[in-house]
């Protein structure tokens, strides 16, 4: 939900709270990751923050949704 509304402060709090237990590259029931949702909604700051987190934690930045987009 934070990704859909571009709530960077919520993502920051989640990152601080969960640390290494946070998996932004994991898809939800709809097959989308948080970054997919943020990109679709045009939330650049959220995407930049999320991408930096994924990069630092060596996550799969090429994760795709169910139809491989």
PDB file of N, CA and C in Angstrom:
ATOM      1  N   UNK A   1       0.818  -1.184   0.000  1.00  0.00           N
ATOM      2  CA  UNK A   1       0.000   0.000   0.000  1.00  0.00           C
ATOM      3  C   UNK A   1       0.871   1.262   0.000  1.00  0.00           C
ATOM      4  N   UNK A   2       1.945   1.250   0.757  1.00  0.00           N
ATOM      5  CA  UNK A   2       2.820   2.425   0.799  1.00  0.00           C
ATOM      6  C   UNK A   2       3.356   2.748  -0.589  1.00  0.00           C
ATOM      7  N   UNK A   3       3.646   1.724  -1.374  1.00  0.00           N
ATOM      8  CA  UNK A   3       4.166   1.935  -2.729  1.00  0.00           C
ATOM      9  C   UNK A   3       3.121   2.589  -3.623  1.00  0.00           C
ATOM     10  N   UNK A   4       1.876   2.171  -3.490  1.00  0.00           N
ATOM     11  CA  UNK A   4       0.812   2.696  -4.345  1.00  0.00           C
ATOM     12  C   UNK A   4       0.554   4.184  -4.108  1.00  0.00           C
ATOM     13  N   UNK A   5       0.778   4.631  -2.868  1.00  0.00           N
ATOM     14  CA  UNK A   5       0.538   6.041  -2.564  1.00  0.00           C
ATOM     15  C   UNK A   5       1.835   6.850  -2.466  1.00  0.00           C
ATOM     16  N   UNK A   6       2.979   6.184  -2.655  1.00  0.00           N
ATOM     17  CA  UNK A   6       4.260   6.877  -2.659  1.00  0.00           C
ATOM     18  C   UNK A   6       4.724   7.336  -1.294  1.00  0.00           C
ATOM     19  N   UNK A   7       4.366   6.611  -0.259  1.00  0.00           N
ATOM     20  CA  UNK A   7       4.688   6.999   1.117  1.00  0.00           C
ATOM     21  C   UNK A   7       6.120   6.580   1.480  1.00  0.00           C
ATOM     22  N   UNK A   8       7.076   7.400   1.066  1.00  0.00           N
ATOM     23  CA  UNK A   8       8.486   7.105   1.332  1.00  0.00           C
ATOM     24  C   UNK A   8       8.751   7.018   2.830  1.00  0.00           C
ATOM     25  N   UNK A   9       8.101   7.881   3.621  1.00  0.00           N
ATOM     26  CA  UNK A   9       8.320   7.860   5.076  1.00  0.00           C
ATOM     27  C   UNK A   9       7.864   6.532   5.680  1.00  0.00           C
ATOM     28  N   UNK A  10       6.846   5.920   5.113  1.00  0.00           N
ATOM     29  CA  UNK A  10       6.392   4.605   5.591  1.00  0.00           C
ATOM     30  C   UNK A  10       7.435   3.554   5.220  1.00  0.00           C
ATOM     31  N   UNK A  11       7.934   3.604   3.990  1.00  0.00           N
ATOM     32  CA  UNK A  11       8.976   2.661   3.575  1.00  0.00           C
ATOM     33  C   UNK A  11      10.207   2.820   4.448  1.00  0.00           C
ATOM     34  N   UNK A  12      10.594   4.051   4.750  1.00  0.00           N
ATOM     35  CA  UNK A  12      11.745   4.298   5.614  1.00  0.00           C
ATOM     36  C   UNK A  12      11.530   3.665   6.984  1.00  0.00           C
ATOM     37  N   UNK A  13      10.333   3.824   7.553  1.00  0.00           N
ATOM     38  CA  UNK A  13      10.024   3.232   8.851  1.00  0.00           C
ATOM     39  C   UNK A  13      10.065   1.697   8.775  1.00  0.00           C
ATOM     40  N   UNK A  14       9.528   1.138   7.712  1.00  0.00           N
ATOM     41  CA  UNK A  14       9.529  -0.323   7.539  1.00  0.00           C
ATOM     42  C   UNK A  14      10.960  -0.842   7.432  1.00  0.00           C
ATOM     43  N   UNK A  15      11.794  -0.142   6.668  1.00  0.00           N
ATOM     44  CA  UNK A  15      13.197  -0.538   6.522  1.00  0.00           C
ATOM     45  C   UNK A  15      13.898  -0.491   7.869  1.00  0.00           C
ATOM     46  N   UNK A  16      13.682   0.584   8.640  1.00  0.00           N
ATOM     47  CA  UNK A  16      14.309   0.700   9.962  1.00  0.00           C
ATOM     48  C   UNK A  16      13.822  -0.392  10.905  1.00  0.00           C
ATOM     49  N   UNK A  17      12.549  -0.736  10.818  1.00  0.00           N
ATOM     50  CA  UNK A  17      11.957  -1.721  11.718  1.00  0.00           C
ATOM     51  C   UNK A  17      12.348  -3.147  11.346  1.00  0.00           C
ATOM     52  N   UNK A  18      12.308  -3.466  10.072  1.00  0.00           N
ATOM     53  CA  UNK A  18      12.509  -4.844   9.631  1.00  0.00           C
ATOM     54  C   UNK A  18      13.942  -5.145   9.206  1.00  0.00           C
ATOM     55  N   UNK A  19      14.662  -4.146   8.743  1.00  0.00           N
ATOM     56  CA  UNK A  19      16.049  -4.351   8.331  1.00  0.00           C
ATOM     57  C   UNK A  19      16.188  -5.440   7.288  1.00  0.00           C
ATOM     58  N   UNK A  20      17.056  -6.409   7.563  1.00  0.00           N
ATOM     59  CA  UNK A  20      17.344  -7.482   6.621  1.00  0.00           C
ATOM     60  C   UNK A  20      16.181  -8.447   6.418  1.00  0.00           C
ATOM     61  N   UNK A  21      15.150  -8.355   7.229  1.00  0.00           N
ATOM     62  CA  UNK A  21      13.989  -9.236   7.079  1.00  0.00           C
ATOM     63  C   UNK A  21      13.014  -8.722   6.021  1.00  0.00           C
ATOM     64  N   UNK A  22      13.261  -7.519   5.508  1.00  0.00           N
ATOM     65  CA  UNK A  22      12.391  -6.929   4.496  1.00  0.00           C
ATOM     66  C   UNK A  22      12.793  -7.445   3.122  1.00  0.00           C
ATOM     67  N   UNK A  23      11.832  -7.878   2.356  1.00  0.00           N
ATOM     68  CA  UNK A  23      12.090  -8.420   1.021  1.00  0.00           C
ATOM     69  C   UNK A  23      11.247  -7.682  -0.009  1.00  0.00           C
ATOM     70  N   UNK A  24      11.730  -6.522  -0.444  1.00  0.00           N
ATOM     71  CA  UNK A  24      10.991  -5.710  -1.409  1.00  0.00           C
ATOM     72  C   UNK A  24      10.856  -6.381  -2.763  1.00  0.00           C
ATOM     73  N   UNK A  25      11.722  -7.354  -3.038  1.00  0.00           N
ATOM     74  CA  UNK A  25      11.672  -8.004  -4.334  1.00  0.00           C
ATOM     75  C   UNK A  25      10.595  -9.089  -4.409  1.00  0.00           C
ATOM     76  N   UNK A  26       9.984  -9.410  -3.281  1.00  0.00           N
ATOM     77  CA  UNK A  26       8.938 -10.435  -3.269  1.00  0.00           C
ATOM     78  C   UNK A  26       7.627  -9.856  -3.796  1.00  0.00           C
ATOM     79  N   UNK A  27       6.946 -10.663  -4.590  1.00  0.00           N
ATOM     80  CA  UNK A  27       5.682 -10.228  -5.178  1.00  0.00           C
ATOM     81  C   UNK A  27       4.512 -10.558  -4.264  1.00  0.00           C
ATOM     82  N   UNK A  28       3.449  -9.760  -4.373  1.00  0.00           N
ATOM     83  CA  UNK A  28       2.225 -10.005  -3.629  1.00  0.00           C
ATOM     84  C   UNK A  28       1.345 -10.999  -4.372  1.00  0.00           C
ATOM     85  N   UNK A  29       0.135 -11.150  -3.916  1.00  0.00           N
ATOM     86  CA  UNK A  29      -0.799 -12.089  -4.538  1.00  0.00           C
ATOM     87  C   UNK A  29      -1.086 -11.731  -5.998  1.00  0.00           C
ATOM     88  N   UNK A  30      -0.980 -10.455  -6.329  1.00  0.00           N
ATOM     89  CA  UNK A  30      -1.231 -10.021  -7.707  1.00  0.00           C
ATOM     90  C   UNK A  30      -0.013 -10.202  -8.599  1.00  0.00           C
ATOM     91  N   UNK A  31       1.103 -10.670  -8.018  1.00  0.00           N
ATOM     92  CA  UNK A  31       2.325 -10.891  -8.784  1.00  0.00           C
ATOM     93  C   UNK A  31       3.212  -9.671  -8.905  1.00  0.00           C
ATOM     94  N   UNK A  32       2.813  -8.562  -8.321  1.00  0.00           N
ATOM     95  CA  UNK A  32       3.583  -7.324  -8.410  1.00  0.00           C
ATOM     96  C   UNK A  32       4.431  -7.118  -7.166  1.00  0.00           C
ATOM     97  N   UNK A  33       5.629  -6.544  -7.374  1.00  0.00           N
ATOM     98  CA  UNK A  33       6.453  -6.128  -6.246  1.00  0.00           C
ATOM     99  C   UNK A  33       6.044  -4.708  -5.862  1.00  0.00           C
ATOM    100  N   UNK A  34       6.550  -4.246  -4.728  1.00  0.00           N
ATOM    101  CA  UNK A  34       6.271  -2.872  -4.302  1.00  0.00           C
ATOM    102  C   UNK A  34       6.790  -1.872  -5.339  1.00  0.00           C
ATOM    103  N   UNK A  35       7.930  -2.179  -5.944  1.00  0.00           N
ATOM    104  CA  UNK A  35       8.476  -1.262  -6.939  1.00  0.00           C
ATOM    105  C   UNK A  35       7.634  -1.236  -8.208  1.00  0.00           C
ATOM    106  N   UNK A  36       7.033  -2.360  -8.581  1.00  0.00           N
ATOM    107  CA  UNK A  36       6.118  -2.354  -9.730  1.00  0.00           C
ATOM    108  C   UNK A  36       4.985  -1.365  -9.474  1.00  0.00           C
ATOM    109  N   UNK A  37       4.390  -1.454  -8.284  1.00  0.00           N
ATOM    110  CA  UNK A  37       3.260  -0.584  -7.938  1.00  0.00           C
ATOM    111  C   UNK A  37       3.676   0.884  -7.910  1.00  0.00           C
ATOM    112  N   UNK A  38       4.843   1.162  -7.329  1.00  0.00           N
ATOM    113  CA  UNK A  38       5.319   2.543  -7.246  1.00  0.00           C
ATOM    114  C   UNK A  38       5.635   3.101  -8.630  1.00  0.00           C
ATOM    115  N   UNK A  39       6.216   2.289  -9.489  1.00  0.00           N
ATOM    116  CA  UNK A  39       6.515   2.734 -10.854  1.00  0.00           C
ATOM    117  C   UNK A  39       5.230   3.051 -11.605  1.00  0.00           C
ATOM    118  N   UNK A  40       4.265   2.147 -11.531  1.00  0.00           N
ATOM    119  CA  UNK A  40       3.007   2.361 -12.241  1.00  0.00           C
ATOM    120  C   UNK A  40       2.329   3.644 -11.789  1.00  0.00           C
ATOM    121  N   UNK A  41       2.423   3.949 -10.491  1.00  0.00           N
ATOM    122  CA  UNK A  41       1.773   5.139  -9.943  1.00  0.00           C
ATOM    123  C   UNK A  41       2.615   6.400 -10.120  1.00  0.00           C
ATOM    124  N   UNK A  42       3.852   6.257 -10.619  1.00  0.00           N
ATOM    125  CA  UNK A  42       4.692   7.424 -10.874  1.00  0.00           C
ATOM    126  C   UNK A  42       5.365   8.011  -9.652  1.00  0.00           C
ATOM    127  N   UNK A  43       5.596   7.204  -8.623  1.00  0.00           N
ATOM    128  CA  UNK A  43       6.205   7.690  -7.383  1.00  0.00           C
ATOM    129  C   UNK A  43       7.732   7.520  -7.432  1.00  0.00           C
ATOM    130  N   UNK A  44       8.378   8.478  -8.076  1.00  0.00           N
ATOM    131  CA  UNK A  44       9.812   8.404  -8.334  1.00  0.00           C
ATOM    132  C   UNK A  44      10.631   8.300  -7.046  1.00  0.00           C
ATOM    133  N   UNK A  45      10.322   9.103  -6.041  1.00  0.00           N
ATOM    134  CA  UNK A  45      11.094   9.078  -4.783  1.00  0.00           C
ATOM    135  C   UNK A  45      11.009   7.705  -4.120  1.00  0.00           C
ATOM    136  N   UNK A  46       9.831   7.092  -4.150  1.00  0.00           N
ATOM    137  CA  UNK A  46       9.661   5.756  -3.565  1.00  0.00           C
ATOM    138  C   UNK A  46      10.502   4.744  -4.338  1.00  0.00           C
ATOM    139  N   UNK A  47      10.473   4.837  -5.653  1.00  0.00           N
ATOM    140  CA  UNK A  47      11.241   3.910  -6.492  1.00  0.00           C
ATOM    141  C   UNK A  47      12.731   4.075  -6.230  1.00  0.00           C
ATOM    142  N   UNK A  48      13.206   5.309  -6.157  1.00  0.00           N
ATOM    143  CA  UNK A  48      14.632   5.549  -5.894  1.00  0.00           C
ATOM    144  C   UNK A  48      15.045   4.988  -4.542  1.00  0.00           C
ATOM    145  N   UNK A  49      14.237   5.210  -3.519  1.00  0.00           N
ATOM    146  CA  UNK A  49      14.531   4.696  -2.172  1.00  0.00           C
ATOM    147  C   UNK A  49      14.527   3.172  -2.204  1.00  0.00           C
ATOM    148  N   UNK A  50      13.501   2.599  -2.807  1.00  0.00           N
ATOM    149  CA  UNK A  50      13.389   1.141  -2.878  1.00  0.00           C
ATOM    150  C   UNK A  50      14.517   0.517  -3.670  1.00  0.00           C
ATOM    151  N   UNK A  51      14.888   1.131  -4.785  1.00  0.00           N
ATOM    152  CA  UNK A  51      15.978   0.618  -5.603  1.00  0.00           C
ATOM    153  C   UNK A  51      17.284   0.642  -4.825  1.00  0.00           C
ATOM    154  N   UNK A  52      17.533   1.725  -4.102  1.00  0.00           N
ATOM    155  CA  UNK A  52      18.754   1.820  -3.292  1.00  0.00           C
ATOM    156  C   UNK A  52      18.780   0.718  -2.243  1.00  0.00           C
ATOM    157  N   UNK A  53      17.630   0.457  -1.602  1.00  0.00           N
ATOM    158  CA  UNK A  53      17.553  -0.616  -0.609  1.00  0.00           C
ATOM    159  C   UNK A  53      17.861  -1.967  -1.263  1.00  0.00           C
ATOM    160  N   UNK A  54      17.246  -2.222  -2.410  1.00  0.00           N
ATOM    161  CA  UNK A  54      17.470  -3.495  -3.100  1.00  0.00           C
ATOM    162  C   UNK A  54      18.926  -3.662  -3.486  1.00  0.00           C
ATOM    163  N   UNK A  55      19.535  -2.585  -3.968  1.00  0.00           N
ATOM    164  CA  UNK A  55      20.938  -2.636  -4.376  1.00  0.00           C
ATOM    165  C   UNK A  55      21.850  -2.923  -3.184  1.00  0.00           C
ATOM    166  N   UNK A  56      21.645  -2.208  -2.098  1.00  0.00           N
ATOM    167  CA  UNK A  56      22.469  -2.384  -0.900  1.00  0.00           C
ATOM    168  C   UNK A  56      22.352  -3.811  -0.346  1.00  0.00           C
ATOM    169  N   UNK A  57      21.143  -4.361  -0.398  1.00  0.00           N
ATOM    170  CA  UNK A  57      20.906  -5.698   0.153  1.00  0.00           C
ATOM    171  C   UNK A  57      21.043  -6.801  -0.896  1.00  0.00           C
ATOM    172  N   UNK A  58      21.587  -6.458  -2.057  1.00  0.00           N
ATOM    173  CA  UNK A  58      21.867  -7.397  -3.143  1.00  0.00           C
ATOM    174  C   UNK A  58      20.653  -8.256  -3.499  1.00  0.00           C
ATOM    175  N   UNK A  59      19.509  -7.592  -3.643  1.00  0.00           N
ATOM    176  CA  UNK A  59      18.272  -8.274  -4.025  1.00  0.00           C
ATOM    177  C   UNK A  59      18.140  -8.296  -5.541  1.00  0.00           C
ATOM    178  N   UNK A  60      17.207  -9.076  -6.018  1.00  0.00           N
ATOM    179  CA  UNK A  60      16.954  -9.194  -7.445  1.00  0.00           C
ATOM    180  C   UNK A  60      16.220  -7.943  -7.950  1.00  0.00           C
ATOM    181  N   UNK A  61      16.955  -7.052  -8.605  1.00  0.00           N
ATOM    182  CA  UNK A  61      16.335  -5.830  -9.113  1.00  0.00           C
ATOM    183  C   UNK A  61      15.619  -6.082 -10.440  1.00  0.00           C
ATOM    184  N   UNK A  62      15.724  -7.282 -10.954  1.00  0.00           N
ATOM    185  CA  UNK A  62      15.073  -7.623 -12.217  1.00  0.00           C
ATOM    186  C   UNK A  62      13.849  -8.502 -12.013  1.00  0.00           C
ATOM    187  N   UNK A  63      13.298  -8.501 -10.818  1.00  0.00           N
ATOM    188  CA  UNK A  63      12.116  -9.305 -10.527  1.00  0.00           C
ATOM    189  C   UNK A  63      10.981  -8.897 -11.459  1.00  0.00           C
ATOM    190  N   UNK A  64      10.256  -9.868 -11.945  1.00  0.00           N
ATOM    191  CA  UNK A  64       9.143  -9.589 -12.848  1.00  0.00           C
ATOM    192  C   UNK A  64       7.842 -10.039 -12.230  1.00  0.00           C
ATOM    193  N   UNK A  65       6.728  -9.457 -12.721  1.00  0.00           N
ATOM    194  CA  UNK A  65       5.436  -9.914 -12.256  1.00  0.00           C
ATOM    195  C   UNK A  65       5.054 -11.139 -13.068  1.00  0.00           C
ATOM    196  N   UNK A  66       3.903 -11.714 -12.828  1.00  0.00           N
ATOM    197  CA  UNK A  66       3.544 -13.006 -13.380  1.00  0.00           C
ATOM    198  C   UNK A  66       3.559 -13.064 -14.915  1.00  0.00           C
ATOM    199  N   UNK A  67       3.299 -11.959 -15.586  1.00  0.00           N
ATOM    200  CA  UNK A  67       3.310 -11.994 -17.048  1.00  0.00           C
ATOM    201  C   UNK A  67       4.681 -11.583 -17.608  1.00  0.00           C
ATOM    202  N   UNK A  68       5.701 -11.581 -16.742  1.00  0.00           N
ATOM    203  CA  UNK A  68       7.110 -11.302 -17.117  1.00  0.00           C
ATOM    204  C   UNK A  68       7.364  -9.870 -17.566  1.00  0.00           C
ATOM    205  N   UNK A  69       6.648  -8.910 -17.005  1.00  0.00           N
ATOM    206  CA  UNK A  69       6.887  -7.503 -17.329  1.00  0.00           C
ATOM    207  C   UNK A  69       7.658  -6.829 -16.232  1.00  0.00           C
TER     208      UNK A  69
END
